[in-house]
Protein backbone atom coordinates (compact mmCIF):
# COMPACT_ATOMS: atom_id res chain seq x y z
CA MET A 1 39.59 0.21 36.29
CA HIS A 2 35.95 1.07 36.94
CA ALA A 3 36.17 4.25 34.83
CA ILE A 4 37.65 2.30 31.90
CA ARG A 5 34.85 -0.28 32.13
CA VAL A 6 32.17 2.46 32.13
CA THR A 7 33.82 4.16 29.16
CA ILE A 8 33.96 0.91 27.20
CA LEU A 9 30.31 0.15 27.98
CA ALA A 10 29.32 3.67 26.87
CA LEU A 11 31.22 3.26 23.56
CA VAL A 12 29.61 -0.14 22.97
CA ALA A 13 26.16 1.38 23.57
CA ILE A 14 26.85 4.22 21.12
CA LEU A 15 28.13 1.80 18.45
CA ALA A 16 25.18 -0.55 18.99
CA ALA A 17 22.75 2.34 18.50
CA GLY A 18 24.41 3.05 15.15
CA PHE A 19 23.89 -0.54 14.00
CA SER A 20 20.29 -0.92 15.15
CA PRO A 21 17.70 -1.82 12.51
CA ALA A 22 16.20 1.09 10.57
CA ARG A 23 13.09 2.59 12.08
CA ALA A 24 9.87 2.11 10.13
CA ASP A 25 8.89 5.15 8.11
CA GLU A 26 6.01 6.29 5.92
CA GLY A 27 5.51 7.58 2.40
CA LEU A 28 2.86 9.12 0.18
CA VAL A 29 0.97 7.04 -2.39
CA THR A 30 -1.18 7.98 -5.38
CA ILE A 31 -2.69 5.23 -7.50
CA GLN A 32 -5.16 5.10 -10.34
CA PHE A 33 -6.64 1.87 -11.60
CA TYR A 34 -9.40 0.52 -13.75
CA LYS A 35 -11.64 -2.38 -12.79
CA ALA A 36 -13.97 -4.32 -15.03
CA GLY A 37 -15.65 -7.66 -14.93
CA TRP A 38 -18.54 -10.00 -15.21
CA VAL A 39 -18.35 -12.47 -12.26
CA ILE A 40 -14.55 -12.56 -12.58
CA GLY A 41 -13.06 -9.10 -12.49
CA GLY A 42 -9.65 -7.65 -13.08
CA SER A 43 -7.93 -4.40 -12.28
CA PHE A 44 -4.83 -2.69 -13.62
CA GLY A 45 -3.20 0.67 -13.24
CA GLU A 46 -0.24 2.71 -12.08
CA GLY A 47 0.80 4.82 -9.17
CA ILE A 48 3.57 6.75 -7.49
CA LEU A 49 5.20 6.16 -4.12
CA THR A 50 7.05 9.15 -2.67
CA PHE A 51 9.42 7.88 0.00
CA ARG A 52 12.30 9.76 1.64
CA GLY A 53 12.21 12.44 -1.05
CA LYS A 54 12.35 10.06 -4.00
CA GLY A 55 9.57 8.96 -6.39
CA TYR A 56 8.96 5.31 -7.32
CA VAL A 57 6.58 4.17 -10.08
CA LEU A 58 4.11 1.48 -9.00
CA SER A 59 2.30 -1.11 -11.06
CA VAL A 60 -1.21 -1.99 -9.81
CA GLY A 61 -2.99 -5.22 -10.62
CA GLY A 62 -5.49 -7.59 -9.15
CA LEU A 63 -8.24 -10.14 -9.59
CA SER A 64 -11.62 -10.59 -7.98
CA TYR A 65 -14.20 -13.33 -7.98
CA GLY A 66 -17.82 -13.01 -6.96
CA LEU A 67 -20.80 -10.89 -7.91
CA THR A 68 -19.07 -8.29 -10.09
CA PHE A 69 -20.33 -6.53 -13.17
CA GLY A 70 -19.54 -3.25 -14.83
CA GLY A 71 -16.45 -1.08 -15.01
CA SER A 72 -14.94 1.75 -13.03
CA LYS A 73 -11.96 4.03 -12.68
CA THR A 74 -10.64 4.63 -9.18
CA SER A 75 -8.15 7.31 -8.11
CA LEU A 76 -6.78 6.99 -4.58
CA HIS A 77 -4.21 8.89 -2.57
CA GLY A 78 -2.93 8.67 0.96
CA ARG A 79 -0.03 7.19 2.81
CA VAL A 80 1.76 3.94 3.40
CA ARG A 81 3.06 3.33 6.91
CA ASN A 82 5.40 0.81 8.50
CA ILE A 83 7.95 0.55 5.67
CA ARG A 84 11.72 0.60 6.02
CA GLN A 85 12.54 0.69 2.31
CA ALA A 86 10.55 1.40 -0.85
CA SER A 87 10.28 -2.28 -1.78
CA ASP A 88 8.28 -2.96 1.42
CA ILE A 89 5.22 -1.57 -0.40
CA GLU A 90 5.32 -4.49 -2.81
CA GLY A 91 2.93 -7.33 -2.20
CA VAL A 92 -0.66 -8.42 -2.21
CA TYR A 93 -3.20 -6.41 -0.23
CA GLY A 94 -6.36 -8.38 0.38
CA ALA A 95 -9.79 -7.41 1.61
CA GLY A 96 -13.38 -8.41 1.31
CA SER A 97 -15.50 -5.67 -0.14
CA ALA A 98 -19.06 -4.76 -0.90
CA GLY A 99 -20.04 -1.62 -2.70
CA ALA A 100 -21.64 0.06 -5.64
CA ALA A 101 -20.73 3.16 -7.55
CA ILE A 102 -22.76 4.90 -10.21
CA ILE A 103 -21.02 7.89 -11.80
CA LYS A 104 -19.14 8.93 -8.62
CA GLY A 105 -18.61 7.50 -5.18
CA ALA A 106 -16.25 8.13 -2.28
CA GLN A 107 -13.73 5.41 -1.52
CA ALA A 108 -11.70 4.84 1.64
CA VAL A 109 -9.62 1.77 2.39
CA VAL A 110 -7.03 0.52 4.87
CA LEU A 111 -5.12 -2.55 3.71
CA THR A 112 -2.06 -4.47 4.93
CA ASN A 113 0.35 -6.62 2.95
CA GLN A 114 2.38 -9.64 4.03
CA LYS A 115 5.37 -7.41 4.96
CA GLY A 116 3.26 -5.35 7.39
CA ALA A 117 3.00 -2.24 5.18
CA ILE A 118 -0.25 -0.40 5.90
CA LEU A 119 -1.98 1.50 3.09
CA GLU A 120 -4.42 4.23 4.14
CA LEU A 121 -6.05 5.55 0.97
CA SER A 122 -9.07 7.60 0.01
CA GLY A 123 -10.37 8.97 -3.26
CA ARG A 124 -13.06 8.74 -5.90
CA GLN A 125 -14.51 6.06 -8.11
CA THR A 126 -16.26 6.84 -11.37
CA GLY A 127 -18.16 4.53 -13.68
CA LEU A 128 -20.82 1.92 -13.22
CA ILE A 129 -19.86 -1.12 -11.18
CA VAL A 130 -21.65 -3.27 -8.67
CA ASN A 131 -19.58 -5.70 -6.67
CA LEU A 132 -19.74 -8.10 -3.77
CA ASP A 133 -16.45 -9.93 -4.03
CA LEU A 134 -13.17 -10.93 -2.44
CA SER A 135 -10.47 -8.86 -4.04
CA GLY A 136 -6.71 -8.83 -4.09
CA LEU A 137 -4.73 -5.73 -4.99
CA ALA A 138 -1.11 -6.28 -5.96
CA LEU A 139 1.49 -3.49 -5.94
CA THR A 140 4.96 -3.82 -7.44
CA LEU A 141 7.76 -1.33 -8.13
CA LYS A 142 8.50 -0.79 -11.83
């Protein structure tokens, strides 16, 4: 009787392991967006998420309000962590920012969305923009 009980418990443990929630994973992200504004700014662009060997096209958008003037082009690449499926990258990533770029400037950012996805991106910004604003970056799958 004891051996049967142990065997049943072992089978239940194996089956339960097969039905456990998917482990969080990470993917690679490349985005390019343009930002322009005078007090109220806007940004738009596109990107690619590479996740579990498959590519997903991203739409990038956002608004900012504060001391903003000028225009810039930003190209960022890096990784997104803590996602279980590609759609976990979707959402609004918010951050306060202060910066200035004339011609070229290095950019590095770590942002989190409401689903817990963590973007770790770095890259370059070109153009002429001065900003001291609260910004929101929105990513959606196309």
